[in-house]
PDB file of N, CA and C in Angstrom:
ATOM      1  N   MET A   1      27.302  -0.501 -57.836  1.00  0.00           N
ATOM      2  CA  MET A   1      27.261  -1.879 -58.190  1.00  0.00           C
ATOM      3  C   MET A   1      25.244  -1.406 -58.873  1.00  0.00           C
ATOM      4  N   ALA A   2      24.958  -2.178 -59.867  1.00  0.00           N
ATOM      5  CA  ALA A   2      23.969  -2.196 -60.325  1.00  0.00           C
ATOM      6  C   ALA A   2      22.542  -2.444 -59.689  1.00  0.00           C
ATOM      7  N   LYS A   3      21.618  -1.889 -59.051  1.00  0.00           N
ATOM      8  CA  LYS A   3      20.261  -2.841 -58.344  1.00  0.00           C
ATOM      9  C   LYS A   3      19.835  -3.563 -59.725  1.00  0.00           C
ATOM     10  N   GLN A   4      19.853  -4.752 -59.102  1.00  0.00           N
ATOM     11  CA  GLN A   4      18.746  -6.101 -59.853  1.00  0.00           C
ATOM     12  C   GLN A   4      17.280  -5.494 -60.067  1.00  0.00           C
ATOM     13  N   ILE A   5      16.646  -5.566 -61.103  1.00  0.00           N
ATOM     14  CA  ILE A   5      15.320  -5.260 -61.038  1.00  0.00           C
ATOM     15  C   ILE A   5      14.902  -6.565 -60.785  1.00  0.00           C
ATOM     16  N   GLU A   6      13.907  -6.455 -59.957  1.00  0.00           N
ATOM     17  CA  GLU A   6      13.078  -8.010 -59.585  1.00  0.00           C
ATOM     18  C   GLU A   6      11.957  -7.814 -60.344  1.00  0.00           C
ATOM     19  N   ARG A   7      11.786  -9.026 -61.013  1.00  0.00           N
ATOM     20  CA  ARG A   7      10.678  -9.367 -61.828  1.00  0.00           C
ATOM     21  C   ARG A   7       9.510  -9.930 -61.300  1.00  0.00           C
ATOM     22  N   PRO A   8       8.072  -9.655 -61.452  1.00  0.00           N
ATOM     23  CA  PRO A   8       7.225 -10.218 -60.746  1.00  0.00           C
ATOM     24  C   PRO A   8       7.015 -11.550 -60.981  1.00  0.00           C
ATOM     25  N   ILE A   9       6.453 -12.146 -59.969  1.00  0.00           N
ATOM     26  CA  ILE A   9       5.990 -13.280 -60.455  1.00  0.00           C
ATOM     27  C   ILE A   9       4.632 -13.898 -60.905  1.00  0.00           C
ATOM     28  N   PRO A  10       4.345 -14.706 -61.876  1.00  0.00           N
ATOM     29  CA  PRO A  10       3.363 -14.971 -62.374  1.00  0.00           C
ATOM     30  C   PRO A  10       2.134 -15.318 -61.282  1.00  0.00           C
ATOM     31  N   GLU A  11       0.668 -14.929 -61.391  1.00  0.00           N
ATOM     32  CA  GLU A  11      -0.175 -15.448 -60.522  1.00  0.00           C
ATOM     33  C   GLU A  11      -0.211 -16.758 -60.096  1.00  0.00           C
ATOM     34  N   SER A  12      -0.194 -17.792 -61.198  1.00  0.00           N
ATOM     35  CA  SER A  12      -0.068 -19.101 -60.967  1.00  0.00           C
ATOM     36  C   SER A  12       0.733 -19.679 -60.198  1.00  0.00           C
ATOM     37  N   ARG A  13       2.243 -18.878 -60.291  1.00  0.00           N
ATOM     38  CA  ARG A  13       3.339 -19.372 -59.364  1.00  0.00           C
ATOM     39  C   ARG A  13       2.956 -18.827 -57.836  1.00  0.00           C
ATOM     40  N   ALA A  14       2.520 -17.768 -57.906  1.00  0.00           N
ATOM     41  CA  ALA A  14       2.230 -17.195 -56.601  1.00  0.00           C
ATOM     42  C   ALA A  14       0.991 -18.224 -55.950  1.00  0.00           C
ATOM     43  N   TRP A  15      -0.189 -18.691 -56.958  1.00  0.00           N
ATOM     44  CA  TRP A  15      -1.092 -19.483 -55.975  1.00  0.00           C
ATOM     45  C   TRP A  15      -0.333 -20.896 -55.748  1.00  0.00           C
ATOM     46  N   SER A  16       0.553 -21.331 -56.322  1.00  0.00           N
ATOM     47  CA  SER A  16       1.239 -22.270 -56.068  1.00  0.00           C
ATOM     48  C   SER A  16       1.973 -22.384 -54.645  1.00  0.00           C
ATOM     49  N   TYR A  17       2.495 -21.151 -54.614  1.00  0.00           N
ATOM     50  CA  TYR A  17       3.242 -21.241 -53.531  1.00  0.00           C
ATOM     51  C   TYR A  17       2.372 -21.080 -52.123  1.00  0.00           C
ATOM     52  N   VAL A  18       1.140 -20.104 -52.321  1.00  0.00           N
ATOM     53  CA  VAL A  18       0.123 -20.424 -51.184  1.00  0.00           C
ATOM     54  C   VAL A  18      -0.152 -22.004 -50.717  1.00  0.00           C
ATOM     55  N   VAL A  19      -0.602 -22.677 -52.092  1.00  0.00           N
ATOM     56  CA  VAL A  19      -0.717 -24.130 -51.678  1.00  0.00           C
ATOM     57  C   VAL A  19       0.241 -24.908 -51.079  1.00  0.00           C
ATOM     58  N   MET A  20       1.432 -24.747 -51.532  1.00  0.00           N
ATOM     59  CA  MET A  20       2.483 -25.265 -50.792  1.00  0.00           C
ATOM     60  C   MET A  20       2.834 -24.973 -49.436  1.00  0.00           C
ATOM     61  N   GLY A  21       2.789 -23.596 -49.291  1.00  0.00           N
ATOM     62  CA  GLY A  21       2.816 -22.968 -47.882  1.00  0.00           C
ATOM     63  C   GLY A  21       1.676 -23.645 -47.101  1.00  0.00           C
ATOM     64  N   GLY A  22       0.539 -23.446 -47.476  1.00  0.00           N
ATOM     65  CA  GLY A  22      -0.347 -24.158 -46.962  1.00  0.00           C
ATOM     66  C   GLY A  22      -0.385 -25.625 -46.084  1.00  0.00           C
ATOM     67  N   LEU A  23       0.143 -26.211 -47.322  1.00  0.00           N
ATOM     68  CA  LEU A  23       0.429 -27.725 -47.022  1.00  0.00           C
ATOM     69  C   LEU A  23       1.711 -28.302 -45.762  1.00  0.00           C
ATOM     70  N   LEU A  24       2.686 -27.067 -46.034  1.00  0.00           N
ATOM     71  CA  LEU A  24       3.566 -27.248 -44.846  1.00  0.00           C
ATOM     72  C   LEU A  24       3.294 -26.486 -43.419  1.00  0.00           C
ATOM     73  N   GLU A  25       2.206 -25.923 -43.600  1.00  0.00           N
ATOM     74  CA  GLU A  25       1.589 -25.197 -42.258  1.00  0.00           C
ATOM     75  C   GLU A  25       0.580 -26.314 -41.447  1.00  0.00           C
ATOM     76  N   ILE A  26       0.181 -27.186 -42.456  1.00  0.00           N
ATOM     77  CA  ILE A  26      -0.599 -28.427 -41.776  1.00  0.00           C
ATOM     78  C   ILE A  26       0.650 -29.680 -41.005  1.00  0.00           C
ATOM     79  N   VAL A  27       1.686 -29.634 -41.872  1.00  0.00           N
ATOM     80  CA  VAL A  27       2.927 -30.442 -41.317  1.00  0.00           C
ATOM     81  C   VAL A  27       3.337 -29.546 -39.681  1.00  0.00           C
ATOM     82  N   TRP A  28       3.615 -28.496 -40.157  1.00  0.00           N
ATOM     83  CA  TRP A  28       4.222 -27.931 -38.864  1.00  0.00           C
ATOM     84  C   TRP A  28       3.085 -27.921 -37.567  1.00  0.00           C
ATOM     85  N   ALA A  29       1.977 -27.198 -38.075  1.00  0.00           N
ATOM     86  CA  ALA A  29       0.880 -27.239 -36.784  1.00  0.00           C
ATOM     87  C   ALA A  29       0.622 -28.457 -36.128  1.00  0.00           C
ATOM     88  N   SER A  30       0.458 -29.378 -36.980  1.00  0.00           N
ATOM     89  CA  SER A  30       0.074 -30.825 -36.371  1.00  0.00           C
ATOM     90  C   SER A  30       1.284 -31.310 -35.947  1.00  0.00           C
ATOM     91  N   GLY A  31       2.562 -31.120 -36.215  1.00  0.00           N
ATOM     92  CA  GLY A  31       3.709 -31.494 -35.518  1.00  0.00           C
ATOM     93  C   GLY A  31       3.873 -30.971 -34.178  1.00  0.00           C
ATOM     94  N   PHE A  32       3.156 -30.225 -33.768  1.00  0.00           N
ATOM     95  CA  PHE A  32       3.367 -29.445 -32.441  1.00  0.00           C
ATOM     96  C   PHE A  32       2.887 -30.448 -31.355  1.00  0.00           C
ATOM     97  N   LYS A  33       1.854 -31.484 -31.828  1.00  0.00           N
ATOM     98  CA  LYS A  33       0.842 -32.304 -30.994  1.00  0.00           C
ATOM     99  C   LYS A  33       1.717 -33.345 -31.100  1.00  0.00           C
ATOM    100  N   TYR A  34       2.446 -34.098 -31.988  1.00  0.00           N
ATOM    101  CA  TYR A  34       2.614 -35.574 -31.896  1.00  0.00           C
ATOM    102  C   TYR A  34       4.111 -35.414 -31.719  1.00  0.00           C
ATOM    103  N   ALA A  35       4.560 -36.047 -30.828  1.00  0.00           N
ATOM    104  CA  ALA A  35       5.907 -36.080 -30.184  1.00  0.00           C
ATOM    105  C   ALA A  35       7.121 -37.064 -31.279  1.00  0.00           C
ATOM    106  N   TYR A  36       6.339 -37.854 -32.362  1.00  0.00           N
ATOM    107  CA  TYR A  36       7.284 -38.472 -33.371  1.00  0.00           C
ATOM    108  C   TYR A  36       7.548 -37.816 -34.521  1.00  0.00           C
ATOM    109  N   VAL A  37       7.085 -36.442 -34.551  1.00  0.00           N
ATOM    110  CA  VAL A  37       7.210 -35.678 -35.778  1.00  0.00           C
ATOM    111  C   VAL A  37       8.738 -34.574 -34.916  1.00  0.00           C
ATOM    112  N   PRO A  38       9.672 -34.966 -36.113  1.00  0.00           N
ATOM    113  CA  PRO A  38      11.270 -34.171 -35.143  1.00  0.00           C
ATOM    114  C   PRO A  38      10.915 -32.536 -35.140  1.00  0.00           C
ATOM    115  N   SER A  39      11.704 -32.242 -34.278  1.00  0.00           N
ATOM    116  CA  SER A  39      11.640 -30.583 -34.238  1.00  0.00           C
ATOM    117  C   SER A  39      12.389 -29.983 -35.382  1.00  0.00           C
ATOM    118  N   ILE A  40      13.136 -30.581 -36.086  1.00  0.00           N
ATOM    119  CA  ILE A  40      13.722 -29.923 -37.101  1.00  0.00           C
ATOM    120  C   ILE A  40      12.911 -30.212 -38.164  1.00  0.00           C
ATOM    121  N   VAL A  41      11.902 -30.871 -38.379  1.00  0.00           N
ATOM    122  CA  VAL A  41      11.050 -31.273 -39.610  1.00  0.00           C
ATOM    123  C   VAL A  41      10.091 -29.804 -39.263  1.00  0.00           C
ATOM    124  N   ILE A  42       9.632 -29.667 -37.919  1.00  0.00           N
ATOM    125  CA  ILE A  42       8.612 -28.690 -37.865  1.00  0.00           C
ATOM    126  C   ILE A  42       9.257 -27.330 -38.114  1.00  0.00           C
ATOM    127  N   LEU A  43      10.481 -27.067 -37.633  1.00  0.00           N
ATOM    128  CA  LEU A  43      11.021 -25.846 -37.958  1.00  0.00           C
ATOM    129  C   LEU A  43      11.409 -25.673 -39.558  1.00  0.00           C
ATOM    130  N   VAL A  44      12.014 -26.308 -40.169  1.00  0.00           N
ATOM    131  CA  VAL A  44      11.919 -26.381 -41.428  1.00  0.00           C
ATOM    132  C   VAL A  44      10.717 -26.153 -42.274  1.00  0.00           C
ATOM    133  N   ALA A  45       9.801 -26.749 -41.888  1.00  0.00           N
ATOM    134  CA  ALA A  45       8.258 -26.686 -42.292  1.00  0.00           C
ATOM    135  C   ALA A  45       7.684 -25.233 -42.063  1.00  0.00           C
ATOM    136  N   LEU A  46       7.838 -24.510 -41.023  1.00  0.00           N
ATOM    137  CA  LEU A  46       7.187 -23.314 -40.374  1.00  0.00           C
ATOM    138  C   LEU A  46       8.304 -22.181 -41.177  1.00  0.00           C
ATOM    139  N   LEU A  47       9.392 -22.238 -41.088  1.00  0.00           N
ATOM    140  CA  LEU A  47      10.124 -21.419 -41.951  1.00  0.00           C
ATOM    141  C   LEU A  47       9.666 -21.343 -43.479  1.00  0.00           C
ATOM    142  N   THR A  48       9.883 -22.599 -44.032  1.00  0.00           N
ATOM    143  CA  THR A  48       9.238 -22.588 -45.500  1.00  0.00           C
ATOM    144  C   THR A  48       8.208 -22.019 -45.819  1.00  0.00           C
ATOM    145  N   SER A  49       7.410 -22.264 -44.978  1.00  0.00           N
ATOM    146  CA  SER A  49       6.035 -21.929 -45.045  1.00  0.00           C
ATOM    147  C   SER A  49       5.728 -20.408 -45.210  1.00  0.00           C
ATOM    148  N   PHE A  50       6.385 -19.650 -44.269  1.00  0.00           N
ATOM    149  CA  PHE A  50       6.164 -18.508 -44.301  1.00  0.00           C
ATOM    150  C   PHE A  50       6.990 -17.836 -45.206  1.00  0.00           C
ATOM    151  N   ASP A  51       7.828 -18.248 -45.660  1.00  0.00           N
ATOM    152  CA  ASP A  51       8.845 -17.930 -46.969  1.00  0.00           C
ATOM    153  C   ASP A  51       7.852 -17.725 -48.364  1.00  0.00           C
ATOM    154  N   LEU A  52       7.288 -18.834 -48.317  1.00  0.00           N
ATOM    155  CA  LEU A  52       6.448 -18.992 -49.532  1.00  0.00           C
ATOM    156  C   LEU A  52       5.195 -17.987 -49.198  1.00  0.00           C
ATOM    157  N   LEU A  53       4.587 -17.891 -48.153  1.00  0.00           N
ATOM    158  CA  LEU A  53       3.390 -16.735 -48.111  1.00  0.00           C
ATOM    159  C   LEU A  53       4.066 -15.275 -48.462  1.00  0.00           C
ATOM    160  N   ILE A  54       5.174 -15.153 -47.974  1.00  0.00           N
ATOM    161  CA  ILE A  54       5.663 -13.968 -48.393  1.00  0.00           C
ATOM    162  C   ILE A  54       5.864 -13.773 -49.568  1.00  0.00           C
ATOM    163  N   ARG A  55       6.474 -14.782 -50.251  1.00  0.00           N
ATOM    164  CA  ARG A  55       6.901 -14.608 -51.798  1.00  0.00           C
ATOM    165  C   ARG A  55       5.399 -14.707 -52.564  1.00  0.00           C
ATOM    166  N   ALA A  56       4.279 -15.185 -52.037  1.00  0.00           N
ATOM    167  CA  ALA A  56       3.244 -15.126 -52.742  1.00  0.00           C
ATOM    168  C   ALA A  56       2.475 -13.622 -52.836  1.00  0.00           C
ATOM    169  N   THR A  57       2.364 -13.001 -51.556  1.00  0.00           N
ATOM    170  CA  THR A  57       2.122 -11.609 -51.215  1.00  0.00           C
ATOM    171  C   THR A  57       3.063 -10.942 -51.991  1.00  0.00           C
ATOM    172  N   LYS A  58       3.887 -10.828 -52.907  1.00  0.00           N
ATOM    173  CA  LYS A  58       4.498 -10.038 -54.022  1.00  0.00           C
ATOM    174  C   LYS A  58       3.296  -9.884 -55.218  1.00  0.00           C
ATOM    175  N   ALA A  59       2.769 -11.081 -55.588  1.00  0.00           N
ATOM    176  CA  ALA A  59       1.956 -10.976 -56.868  1.00  0.00           C
ATOM    177  C   ALA A  59       0.336 -10.789 -56.342  1.00  0.00           C
ATOM    178  N   LEU A  60      -0.222 -11.205 -55.054  1.00  0.00           N
ATOM    179  CA  LEU A  60      -1.562 -11.607 -54.733  1.00  0.00           C
ATOM    180  C   LEU A  60      -1.941 -10.785 -53.490  1.00  0.00           C
ATOM    181  N   PRO A  61      -3.271 -10.398 -53.661  1.00  0.00           N
ATOM    182  CA  PRO A  61      -3.566  -9.382 -52.297  1.00  0.00           C
ATOM    183  C   PRO A  61      -3.328 -10.065 -51.050  1.00  0.00           C
ATOM    184  N   VAL A  62      -2.640  -9.290 -50.286  1.00  0.00           N
ATOM    185  CA  VAL A  62      -2.238 -10.184 -48.874  1.00  0.00           C
ATOM    186  C   VAL A  62      -3.239 -10.646 -48.002  1.00  0.00           C
ATOM    187  N   GLY A  63      -4.340 -10.117 -47.892  1.00  0.00           N
ATOM    188  CA  GLY A  63      -5.520 -10.501 -47.118  1.00  0.00           C
ATOM    189  C   GLY A  63      -5.922 -11.841 -47.648  1.00  0.00           C
ATOM    190  N   THR A  64      -6.144 -11.881 -48.939  1.00  0.00           N
ATOM    191  CA  THR A  64      -6.718 -13.235 -49.745  1.00  0.00           C
ATOM    192  C   THR A  64      -5.659 -14.140 -49.483  1.00  0.00           C
ATOM    193  N   VAL A  65      -4.283 -14.207 -49.705  1.00  0.00           N
ATOM    194  CA  VAL A  65      -3.321 -14.895 -49.308  1.00  0.00           C
ATOM    195  C   VAL A  65      -3.460 -15.431 -48.147  1.00  0.00           C
ATOM    196  N   TYR A  66      -3.214 -14.652 -47.060  1.00  0.00           N
ATOM    197  CA  TYR A  66      -3.198 -15.077 -45.518  1.00  0.00           C
ATOM    198  C   TYR A  66      -4.724 -15.990 -45.357  1.00  0.00           C
ATOM    199  N   ALA A  67      -5.895 -15.493 -45.623  1.00  0.00           N
ATOM    200  CA  ALA A  67      -6.855 -16.206 -45.668  1.00  0.00           C
ATOM    201  C   ALA A  67      -6.991 -17.764 -46.053  1.00  0.00           C
ATOM    202  N   VAL A  68      -6.528 -17.631 -47.306  1.00  0.00           N
ATOM    203  CA  VAL A  68      -6.547 -19.123 -47.861  1.00  0.00           C
ATOM    204  C   VAL A  68      -5.435 -19.732 -47.313  1.00  0.00           C
ATOM    205  N   PHE A  69      -4.200 -19.418 -46.892  1.00  0.00           N
ATOM    206  CA  PHE A  69      -3.174 -20.075 -46.148  1.00  0.00           C
ATOM    207  C   PHE A  69      -3.684 -20.753 -44.941  1.00  0.00           C
ATOM    208  N   ALA A  70      -4.218 -19.647 -43.998  1.00  0.00           N
ATOM    209  CA  ALA A  70      -4.543 -20.057 -42.479  1.00  0.00           C
ATOM    210  C   ALA A  70      -5.706 -21.187 -42.861  1.00  0.00           C
ATOM    211  N   GLY A  71      -6.875 -21.035 -43.842  1.00  0.00           N
ATOM    212  CA  GLY A  71      -7.806 -21.634 -43.914  1.00  0.00           C
ATOM    213  C   GLY A  71      -7.618 -23.319 -44.419  1.00  0.00           C
ATOM    214  N   MET A  72      -6.409 -23.100 -45.384  1.00  0.00           N
ATOM    215  CA  MET A  72      -6.034 -24.734 -45.694  1.00  0.00           C
ATOM    216  C   MET A  72      -4.891 -25.190 -44.305  1.00  0.00           C
ATOM    217  N   GLY A  73      -4.430 -24.395 -43.478  1.00  0.00           N
ATOM    218  CA  GLY A  73      -3.800 -25.263 -42.195  1.00  0.00           C
ATOM    219  C   GLY A  73      -5.181 -25.350 -41.287  1.00  0.00           C
ATOM    220  N   THR A  74      -6.022 -24.878 -40.951  1.00  0.00           N
ATOM    221  CA  THR A  74      -6.870 -25.292 -40.456  1.00  0.00           C
ATOM    222  C   THR A  74      -7.897 -26.413 -40.904  1.00  0.00           C
ATOM    223  N   LEU A  75      -8.123 -26.517 -42.279  1.00  0.00           N
ATOM    224  CA  LEU A  75      -8.833 -27.611 -42.840  1.00  0.00           C
ATOM    225  C   LEU A  75      -7.756 -28.722 -42.604  1.00  0.00           C
ATOM    226  N   GLY A  76      -6.838 -28.502 -42.783  1.00  0.00           N
ATOM    227  CA  GLY A  76      -5.730 -29.737 -43.028  1.00  0.00           C
ATOM    228  C   GLY A  76      -5.459 -30.331 -41.763  1.00  0.00           C
ATOM    229  N   THR A  77      -5.051 -29.544 -40.429  1.00  0.00           N
ATOM    230  CA  THR A  77      -4.936 -29.749 -39.473  1.00  0.00           C
ATOM    231  C   THR A  77      -6.217 -30.503 -38.621  1.00  0.00           C
ATOM    232  N   THR A  78      -7.330 -30.179 -38.761  1.00  0.00           N
ATOM    233  CA  THR A  78      -8.770 -30.675 -38.357  1.00  0.00           C
ATOM    234  C   THR A  78      -8.925 -32.101 -38.990  1.00  0.00           C
ATOM    235  N   LEU A  79      -8.302 -32.244 -40.550  1.00  0.00           N
ATOM    236  CA  LEU A  79      -8.460 -33.801 -40.926  1.00  0.00           C
ATOM    237  C   LEU A  79      -7.654 -34.634 -40.153  1.00  0.00           C
ATOM    238  N   VAL A  80      -6.223 -33.925 -40.067  1.00  0.00           N
ATOM    239  CA  VAL A  80      -5.426 -34.894 -39.444  1.00  0.00           C
ATOM    240  C   VAL A  80      -5.658 -35.327 -37.889  1.00  0.00           C
ATOM    241  N   GLU A  81      -6.335 -34.417 -37.442  1.00  0.00           N
ATOM    242  CA  GLU A  81      -7.252 -34.762 -36.039  1.00  0.00           C
ATOM    243  C   GLU A  81      -8.328 -35.845 -35.932  1.00  0.00           C
ATOM    244  N   ILE A  82      -8.885 -35.493 -37.139  1.00  0.00           N
ATOM    245  CA  ILE A  82     -10.203 -36.805 -37.657  1.00  0.00           C
ATOM    246  C   ILE A  82      -9.723 -37.954 -37.668  1.00  0.00           C
ATOM    247  N   VAL A  83      -8.508 -37.771 -38.359  1.00  0.00           N
ATOM    248  CA  VAL A  83      -8.001 -39.355 -39.166  1.00  0.00           C
ATOM    249  C   VAL A  83      -7.315 -40.113 -38.013  1.00  0.00           C
ATOM    250  N   SER A  84      -6.470 -39.190 -37.014  1.00  0.00           N
ATOM    251  CA  SER A  84      -5.873 -39.642 -35.855  1.00  0.00           C
ATOM    252  C   SER A  84      -6.733 -39.949 -34.566  1.00  0.00           C
ATOM    253  N   SER A  85      -7.953 -39.394 -34.317  1.00  0.00           N
ATOM    254  CA  SER A  85      -8.933 -39.704 -33.178  1.00  0.00           C
ATOM    255  C   SER A  85      -9.843 -40.612 -33.933  1.00  0.00           C
ATOM    256  N   GLY A  86     -10.157 -40.785 -35.248  1.00  0.00           N
ATOM    257  CA  GLY A  86     -10.986 -41.674 -35.860  1.00  0.00           C
ATOM    258  C   GLY A  86     -12.467 -41.307 -35.422  1.00  0.00           C
ATOM    259  N   GLY A  87     -12.673 -40.365 -35.063  1.00  0.00           N
ATOM    260  CA  GLY A  87     -14.062 -39.883 -34.793  1.00  0.00           C
ATOM    261  C   GLY A  87     -14.581 -38.441 -35.697  1.00  0.00           C
ATOM    262  N   VAL A  88     -15.674 -38.013 -36.120  1.00  0.00           N
ATOM    263  CA  VAL A  88     -16.020 -36.674 -36.599  1.00  0.00           C
ATOM    264  C   VAL A  88     -17.529 -37.021 -36.621  1.00  0.00           C
ATOM    265  N   SER A  89     -18.125 -35.671 -36.334  1.00  0.00           N
ATOM    266  CA  SER A  89     -19.318 -35.290 -36.304  1.00  0.00           C
ATOM    267  C   SER A  89     -19.961 -34.855 -37.477  1.00  0.00           C
ATOM    268  N   ALA A  90     -21.493 -34.719 -37.696  1.00  0.00           N
ATOM    269  CA  ALA A  90     -22.249 -34.576 -39.094  1.00  0.00           C
ATOM    270  C   ALA A  90     -22.055 -32.745 -38.853  1.00  0.00           C
ATOM    271  N   ILE A  91     -21.785 -32.132 -37.535  1.00  0.00           N
ATOM    272  CA  ILE A  91     -21.748 -30.712 -38.008  1.00  0.00           C
ATOM    273  C   ILE A  91     -20.131 -30.274 -37.866  1.00  0.00           C
ATOM    274  N   ARG A  92     -19.234 -31.029 -37.598  1.00  0.00           N
ATOM    275  CA  ARG A  92     -17.904 -30.841 -37.821  1.00  0.00           C
ATOM    276  C   ARG A  92     -17.631 -30.978 -39.321  1.00  0.00           C
ATOM    277  N   ILE A  93     -18.281 -31.903 -40.011  1.00  0.00           N
ATOM    278  CA  ILE A  93     -18.139 -31.915 -41.321  1.00  0.00           C
ATOM    279  C   ILE A  93     -18.649 -30.574 -42.170  1.00  0.00           C
ATOM    280  N   ALA A  94     -20.215 -30.390 -41.802  1.00  0.00           N
ATOM    281  CA  ALA A  94     -20.536 -29.372 -42.309  1.00  0.00           C
ATOM    282  C   ALA A  94     -19.992 -27.991 -42.134  1.00  0.00           C
ATOM    283  N   PHE A  95     -19.113 -27.780 -41.095  1.00  0.00           N
ATOM    284  CA  PHE A  95     -18.073 -26.622 -40.827  1.00  0.00           C
ATOM    285  C   PHE A  95     -16.911 -26.878 -41.883  1.00  0.00           C
ATOM    286  N   ILE A  96     -16.633 -27.727 -41.810  1.00  0.00           N
ATOM    287  CA  ILE A  96     -15.284 -28.158 -42.540  1.00  0.00           C
ATOM    288  C   ILE A  96     -15.383 -27.638 -44.170  1.00  0.00           C
ATOM    289  N   LEU A  97     -16.720 -28.089 -44.722  1.00  0.00           N
ATOM    290  CA  LEU A  97     -17.071 -28.048 -45.879  1.00  0.00           C
ATOM    291  C   LEU A  97     -17.370 -26.326 -46.099  1.00  0.00           C
ATOM    292  N   LEU A  98     -17.874 -25.745 -45.199  1.00  0.00           N
ATOM    293  CA  LEU A  98     -18.120 -24.106 -45.193  1.00  0.00           C
ATOM    294  C   LEU A  98     -16.899 -23.397 -45.364  1.00  0.00           C
ATOM    295  N   LEU A  99     -16.238 -23.905 -44.613  1.00  0.00           N
ATOM    296  CA  LEU A  99     -14.789 -23.313 -44.817  1.00  0.00           C
ATOM    297  C   LEU A  99     -13.773 -23.154 -46.046  1.00  0.00           C
ATOM    298  N   LEU A 100     -14.030 -24.424 -46.570  1.00  0.00           N
ATOM    299  CA  LEU A 100     -13.496 -24.954 -47.980  1.00  0.00           C
ATOM    300  C   LEU A 100     -14.147 -24.023 -48.770  1.00  0.00           C
ATOM    301  N   ALA A 101     -15.755 -23.834 -49.208  1.00  0.00           N
ATOM    302  CA  ALA A 101     -16.402 -23.071 -49.753  1.00  0.00           C
ATOM    303  C   ALA A 101     -16.053 -21.430 -49.791  1.00  0.00           C
ATOM    304  N   CYS A 102     -15.214 -20.807 -48.338  1.00  0.00           N
ATOM    305  CA  CYS A 102     -15.171 -19.715 -48.171  1.00  0.00           C
ATOM    306  C   CYS A 102     -13.543 -19.814 -48.942  1.00  0.00           C
ATOM    307  N   ILE A 103     -12.872 -20.508 -48.526  1.00  0.00           N
ATOM    308  CA  ILE A 103     -11.255 -20.620 -49.193  1.00  0.00           C
ATOM    309  C   ILE A 103     -11.328 -20.329 -51.026  1.00  0.00           C
ATOM    310  N   ILE A 104     -12.379 -21.503 -51.498  1.00  0.00           N
ATOM    311  CA  ILE A 104     -12.502 -21.509 -53.038  1.00  0.00           C
ATOM    312  C   ILE A 104     -12.962 -20.030 -53.118  1.00  0.00           C
ATOM    313  N   GLY A 105     -13.998 -19.486 -52.650  1.00  0.00           N
ATOM    314  CA  GLY A 105     -14.278 -18.175 -52.782  1.00  0.00           C
ATOM    315  C   GLY A 105     -13.787 -17.078 -52.874  1.00  0.00           C
ATOM    316  N   LEU A 106     -12.618 -16.968 -51.570  1.00  0.00           N
ATOM    317  CA  LEU A 106     -11.650 -16.123 -51.691  1.00  0.00           C
ATOM    318  C   LEU A 106     -10.687 -16.148 -52.822  1.00  0.00           C
ATOM    319  N   LYS A 107     -10.156 -17.365 -53.352  1.00  0.00           N
ATOM    320  CA  LYS A 107      -9.395 -17.498 -54.280  1.00  0.00           C
ATOM    321  C   LYS A 107      -9.963 -16.901 -55.725  1.00  0.00           C
ATOM    322  N   LEU A 108     -11.131 -17.262 -55.897  1.00  0.00           N
ATOM    323  CA  LEU A 108     -11.951 -16.844 -57.072  1.00  0.00           C
ATOM    324  C   LEU A 108     -12.394 -15.518 -56.985  1.00  0.00           C
ATOM    325  N   SER A 109     -12.598 -14.898 -56.028  1.00  0.00           N
ATOM    326  CA  SER A 109     -12.789 -13.284 -55.974  1.00  0.00           C
ATOM    327  C   SER A 109     -11.489 -12.538 -55.925  1.00  0.00           C
ATOM    328  N   GLY A 110     -10.625 -12.913 -55.468  1.00  0.00           N
ATOM    329  CA  GLY A 110      -9.128 -12.282 -55.275  1.00  0.00           C
ATOM    330  C   GLY A 110      -8.842 -11.816 -56.820  1.00  0.00           C
ATOM    331  N   LYS A 111      -8.898 -12.426 -57.779  1.00  0.00           N
ATOM    332  CA  LYS A 111      -8.271 -12.136 -58.987  1.00  0.00           C
ATOM    333  C   LYS A 111      -8.745 -10.631 -59.417  1.00  0.00           C
ATOM    334  N   GLY A 112      -7.631  -9.750 -59.527  1.00  0.00           N
ATOM    335  CA  GLY A 112      -8.022  -8.629 -59.981  1.00  0.00           C
ATOM    336  C   GLY A 112      -8.840  -7.342 -59.338  1.00  0.00           C
ATOM    337  N   SER A 113      -9.168  -7.942 -58.031  1.00  0.00           N
ATOM    338  CA  SER A 113      -9.961  -7.173 -56.888  1.00  0.00           C
ATOM    339  C   SER A 113      -8.850  -6.028 -56.103  1.00  0.00           C
ATOM    340  N   GLU A 114      -7.583  -6.297 -56.424  1.00  0.00           N
ATOM    341  CA  GLU A 114      -6.754  -5.126 -55.720  1.00  0.00           C
ATOM    342  C   GLU A 114      -5.490  -5.115 -56.701  1.00  0.00           C
ATOM    343  N   THR A 115      -5.148  -3.549 -56.791  1.00  0.00           N
ATOM    344  CA  THR A 115      -4.150  -3.415 -57.546  1.00  0.00           C
ATOM    345  C   THR A 115      -2.824  -2.689 -56.607  1.00  0.00           C
ATOM    346  N   ALA A 116      -1.866  -3.259 -57.493  1.00  0.00           N
ATOM    347  CA  ALA A 116      -0.469  -2.799 -56.343  1.00  0.00           C
ATOM    348  C   ALA A 116      -0.047  -1.435 -56.463  1.00  0.00           C
TER     349      ALA A 116
END
């Protein structure tokens, strides 16, 4: 049997995987807290988010991918918590904005910084 050659995915597609995976991380992480989120939704979101993360690391630096993925999850679950609780402090908003700036900085500095 001939071995199929795996073509590398474009960076733009890899970044879309990171974004989709980060959004799914918000679903499964927030789903742990709220009983009305079905367990199957949590499980599918969890498995799919990690599959997307793994696919993205084929074309992007692992450290950058994971930092952006985890940062998105942190931001998203924090925002879900703020919306559901109805309260937020100025210091919390400041740290959320700082985290967002760091995620954007990692994304912008990650291009071409590592070679495979």
